[in-house]
């Protein structure tokens, strides 16, 4: 009970893991998809904000004379953090992560922090501000390293790298593959033979053997316009006026961005968010009594499906789905489905994702309240 309370207790469940000498964990036996691998307790936690590090540092100092602090906490890596700071601050900056069950909170789980990172993880950290369970996302053979993601896996490579921080270079197979061709910046030529790149360091003019020409500046201009439209939708004034008029205006912007001679990449976050904003405007338009509800629901499903399909692709080959994908599934259940079969499919998919990530058939209440 004391170790549970002070955050020094952790337990490998059913002997499914073994620690590597150089850090990290291996599967000690065959692991099944959904198996719980490790139980851990938070050594310190805080609401996210400017004072988060100082709050957790104060909690650490109250326990700094314990053997657990000296032998376990102080031996955690701090290589991802650079700058003028103390050892404990660097350890917190490197190893404390946002809680999946408690959005808005960050916590240090000492045993969990020893898992290696991958942008295509085979395990997921299901954590509140006080406890964590690491769950297998897929079948893991004996002897294979068990890795978790330190960042959202739906981010593009540059965003993942920036979030991981200076001093940390991810060399997972996904990052290696996306170093030269990130799919979230890819623009397929209409002939289907080549994909142009809209990454900032790409050539300004790119040509395909079919004769088509791609102009980088034009594509980036479309992304900039999409970003501006998305930014407007976060402001209070976006709630005013006709939802249908906003849907049509955003839809026109989306059409221009994705169908020009040098279009924006379809899987880029700005384009997916714009697609989702179009869908959401159609959703609210469909709730207006005087609207053409049939047409509005058709507009909603056209864009919502594209958004969800694109978001799923952006997760890569891992079975992990970031929280905003799971929340989006739940929100879809508020809509009028074209058929009972499609609604049942969505409900089943949501239940499957919740069981895999949280070990329960529904989204945890803490996440629902935060969203």
Foldseek 3Di string as FASTA:
>chain_A
DVCLVQFLDKDFPPQQWDADPVFAIFGQAKDAFLDWTMKGWFNFKDFDDPCGLVRRVVSLVVCCVDPCCVPQQLPQDQQQDDDDDDSNSSSCVQAWAAAQQAGRMITHTRVVSRHAADLQFQWEWHGDNTMIIIGGRHTHHGGHTGHYHRDASLDWLVVSVVVNHPRDDDPHPVNVVCVVPTLLQWCADPVRPDTDGLDPPGDQWDADPVGQIAGNVLAVVLLVVLQVLLVVCVDPCVPDDQLVVNLVVLVVSLCCQRPDSHHHRCLHPSSLSSLQSSLVSLQVNLVDVVHPNVVSLVSNVVSLVSSLVSSVVSSPPHSDHGPVSLVSLVVCLVGDDPDPVVNVVSLVVSQVNCCSHPVGRHRDPSVVVVD
